[in-house]
Amino acid sequence: MSLARRSANRAKHWAARQAAATSKQEEAAVMYDACRMVASTAEMAGRPEVWGELAAVLAKFYADYTR
């Protein structure tokens, strides 16, 4: 399967899961799962630094909302 086709399939999968979410909490959980999938895929492709980028975004979110 080509990279373009795989990417399109993933986008379709995550869009369907996001559309099926019945609350903002479910939507956030779907997006968290999607981001973890992206980081895992990037790591397998030789880009483990993506995990650090995801951690930084989550840390900032946490800091912004726990003040």
N, C-alpha and C. Protein backbone atom coordinates (compact mmCIF):
# COMPACT_ATOMS: atom_id res chain seq x y z
N MET A 1 0.85 -1.17 0.00
CA MET A 1 0.00 0.00 0.00
C MET A 1 0.90 1.24 0.00
N SER A 2 0.56 2.19 -0.83
CA SER A 2 1.39 3.40 -0.93
C SER A 2 1.24 4.26 0.32
N LEU A 3 2.23 5.09 0.54
CA LEU A 3 2.20 5.99 1.68
C LEU A 3 1.00 6.93 1.60
N ALA A 4 0.70 7.43 0.41
CA ALA A 4 -0.44 8.34 0.24
C ALA A 4 -1.74 7.64 0.59
N ARG A 5 -1.87 6.40 0.15
CA ARG A 5 -3.11 5.66 0.44
C ARG A 5 -3.22 5.36 1.93
N ARG A 6 -2.11 4.96 2.55
CA ARG A 6 -2.09 4.68 3.98
C ARG A 6 -2.47 5.94 4.76
N SER A 7 -1.91 7.07 4.38
CA SER A 7 -2.22 8.34 5.04
C SER A 7 -3.69 8.70 4.89
N ALA A 8 -4.23 8.49 3.70
CA ALA A 8 -5.65 8.78 3.47
C ALA A 8 -6.53 7.87 4.31
N ASN A 9 -6.16 6.59 4.41
CA ASN A 9 -6.94 5.66 5.23
C ASN A 9 -6.91 6.05 6.70
N ARG A 10 -5.73 6.46 7.18
CA ARG A 10 -5.64 6.89 8.57
C ARG A 10 -6.48 8.13 8.82
N ALA A 11 -6.40 9.09 7.91
CA ALA A 11 -7.18 10.31 8.06
C ALA A 11 -8.68 9.99 8.10
N LYS A 12 -9.11 9.10 7.22
CA LYS A 12 -10.51 8.70 7.19
C LYS A 12 -10.91 8.02 8.49
N HIS A 13 -10.05 7.13 9.00
CA HIS A 13 -10.32 6.43 10.25
C HIS A 13 -10.49 7.41 11.41
N TRP A 14 -9.53 8.34 11.55
CA TRP A 14 -9.59 9.27 12.68
C TRP A 14 -10.72 10.27 12.54
N ALA A 15 -11.04 10.67 11.31
CA ALA A 15 -12.17 11.57 11.10
C ALA A 15 -13.48 10.89 11.49
N ALA A 16 -13.61 9.61 11.15
CA ALA A 16 -14.82 8.86 11.52
C ALA A 16 -14.92 8.71 13.02
N ARG A 17 -13.80 8.40 13.69
CA ARG A 17 -13.83 8.28 15.14
C ARG A 17 -14.17 9.61 15.80
N GLN A 18 -13.61 10.69 15.26
CA GLN A 18 -13.90 12.01 15.82
C GLN A 18 -15.37 12.36 15.62
N ALA A 19 -15.91 12.07 14.45
CA ALA A 19 -17.32 12.35 14.16
C ALA A 19 -18.25 11.53 15.04
N ALA A 20 -17.81 10.33 15.41
CA ALA A 20 -18.64 9.45 16.24
C ALA A 20 -18.62 9.83 17.72
N ALA A 21 -17.68 10.67 18.11
CA ALA A 21 -17.60 11.08 19.51
C ALA A 21 -18.88 11.84 19.88
N THR A 22 -19.42 11.51 21.04
CA THR A 22 -20.68 12.13 21.46
C THR A 22 -20.47 13.21 22.52
N SER A 23 -19.23 13.47 22.87
CA SER A 23 -18.94 14.53 23.84
C SER A 23 -17.55 15.08 23.55
N LYS A 24 -17.28 16.22 24.08
CA LYS A 24 -15.94 16.81 23.92
C LYS A 24 -14.89 15.93 24.61
N GLN A 25 -15.26 15.25 25.70
CA GLN A 25 -14.33 14.35 26.37
C GLN A 25 -13.96 13.19 25.45
N GLU A 26 -14.94 12.61 24.77
CA GLU A 26 -14.66 11.52 23.83
C GLU A 26 -13.82 12.03 22.67
N GLU A 27 -14.13 13.23 22.18
CA GLU A 27 -13.36 13.79 21.08
C GLU A 27 -11.90 14.01 21.49
N ALA A 28 -11.69 14.49 22.71
CA ALA A 28 -10.32 14.68 23.21
C ALA A 28 -9.60 13.34 23.30
N ALA A 29 -10.28 12.29 23.75
CA ALA A 29 -9.66 10.97 23.85
C ALA A 29 -9.28 10.44 22.47
N VAL A 30 -10.13 10.67 21.48
CA VAL A 30 -9.84 10.24 20.12
C VAL A 30 -8.59 10.97 19.61
N MET A 31 -8.54 12.27 19.83
CA MET A 31 -7.39 13.05 19.34
C MET A 31 -6.11 12.65 20.07
N TYR A 32 -6.20 12.34 21.35
CA TYR A 32 -5.03 11.87 22.10
C TYR A 32 -4.53 10.55 21.50
N ASP A 33 -5.46 9.64 21.22
CA ASP A 33 -5.08 8.37 20.60
C ASP A 33 -4.45 8.59 19.22
N ALA A 34 -5.03 9.50 18.44
CA ALA A 34 -4.50 9.79 17.10
C ALA A 34 -3.08 10.36 17.20
N CYS A 35 -2.86 11.24 18.15
CA CYS A 35 -1.53 11.83 18.33
C CYS A 35 -0.51 10.78 18.75
N ARG A 36 -0.90 9.86 19.62
CA ARG A 36 -0.01 8.77 20.01
C ARG A 36 0.32 7.88 18.83
N MET A 37 -0.66 7.63 17.96
CA MET A 37 -0.42 6.83 16.76
C MET A 37 0.57 7.54 15.85
N VAL A 38 0.40 8.85 15.67
CA VAL A 38 1.32 9.61 14.84
C VAL A 38 2.73 9.54 15.41
N ALA A 39 2.86 9.69 16.73
CA ALA A 39 4.19 9.64 17.36
C ALA A 39 4.82 8.26 17.20
N SER A 40 4.03 7.21 17.36
CA SER A 40 4.55 5.85 17.19
C SER A 40 5.03 5.61 15.76
N THR A 41 4.22 6.06 14.81
CA THR A 41 4.58 5.90 13.40
C THR A 41 5.86 6.68 13.08
N ALA A 42 5.94 7.89 13.60
CA ALA A 42 7.14 8.70 13.37
C ALA A 42 8.37 8.04 14.00
N GLU A 43 8.21 7.47 15.18
CA GLU A 43 9.32 6.79 15.83
C GLU A 43 9.81 5.62 14.99
N MET A 44 8.88 4.84 14.46
CA MET A 44 9.26 3.70 13.62
C MET A 44 9.96 4.16 12.34
N ALA A 45 9.67 5.39 11.91
CA ALA A 45 10.28 5.94 10.71
C ALA A 45 11.60 6.66 11.02
N GLY A 46 12.08 6.51 12.26
CA GLY A 46 13.36 7.10 12.62
C GLY A 46 13.28 8.51 13.18
N ARG A 47 12.10 8.91 13.64
CA ARG A 47 11.94 10.25 14.20
C ARG A 47 11.41 10.19 15.64
N PRO A 48 12.17 9.63 16.57
CA PRO A 48 11.70 9.48 17.95
C PRO A 48 11.49 10.82 18.67
N GLU A 49 12.06 11.90 18.12
CA GLU A 49 11.90 13.21 18.76
C GLU A 49 10.45 13.69 18.78
N VAL A 50 9.60 13.07 17.96
CA VAL A 50 8.19 13.46 17.93
C VAL A 50 7.55 13.22 19.30
N TRP A 51 7.98 12.18 20.01
CA TRP A 51 7.45 11.94 21.35
C TRP A 51 7.73 13.13 22.27
N GLY A 52 8.92 13.70 22.16
CA GLY A 52 9.26 14.87 22.97
C GLY A 52 8.40 16.07 22.61
N GLU A 53 8.12 16.23 21.32
CA GLU A 53 7.26 17.33 20.89
C GLU A 53 5.84 17.16 21.43
N LEU A 54 5.33 15.94 21.37
CA LEU A 54 4.00 15.67 21.92
C LEU A 54 3.99 15.91 23.42
N ALA A 55 5.01 15.44 24.10
CA ALA A 55 5.09 15.65 25.55
C ALA A 55 5.12 17.14 25.89
N ALA A 56 5.83 17.93 25.09
CA ALA A 56 5.91 19.37 25.34
C ALA A 56 4.54 20.04 25.17
N VAL A 57 3.80 19.65 24.14
CA VAL A 57 2.46 20.21 23.93
C VAL A 57 1.55 19.85 25.09
N LEU A 58 1.60 18.60 25.52
CA LEU A 58 0.75 18.17 26.63
C LEU A 58 1.15 18.85 27.93
N ALA A 59 2.46 19.02 28.15
CA ALA A 59 2.93 19.70 29.36
C ALA A 59 2.47 21.15 29.39
N LYS A 60 2.51 21.81 28.24
CA LYS A 60 2.05 23.20 28.17
C LYS A 60 0.56 23.27 28.46
N PHE A 61 -0.22 22.38 27.86
CA PHE A 61 -1.65 22.33 28.11
C PHE A 61 -1.92 22.16 29.61
N TYR A 62 -1.21 21.21 30.21
CA TYR A 62 -1.38 20.94 31.64
C TYR A 62 -1.05 22.19 32.46
N ALA A 63 0.07 22.81 32.14
CA ALA A 63 0.49 24.00 32.89
C ALA A 63 -0.53 25.14 32.72
N ASP A 64 -1.03 25.33 31.51
CA ASP A 64 -1.98 26.40 31.25
C ASP A 64 -3.28 26.24 32.03
N TYR A 65 -3.70 25.01 32.25
CA TYR A 65 -5.00 24.77 32.86
C TYR A 65 -4.95 24.32 34.31
N THR A 66 -3.78 24.32 34.91
CA THR A 66 -3.71 23.96 36.33
C THR A 66 -3.24 25.13 37.18
N ARG A 67 -3.28 26.30 36.63
CA ARG A 67 -2.88 27.49 37.39
C ARG A 67 -3.99 27.97 38.26
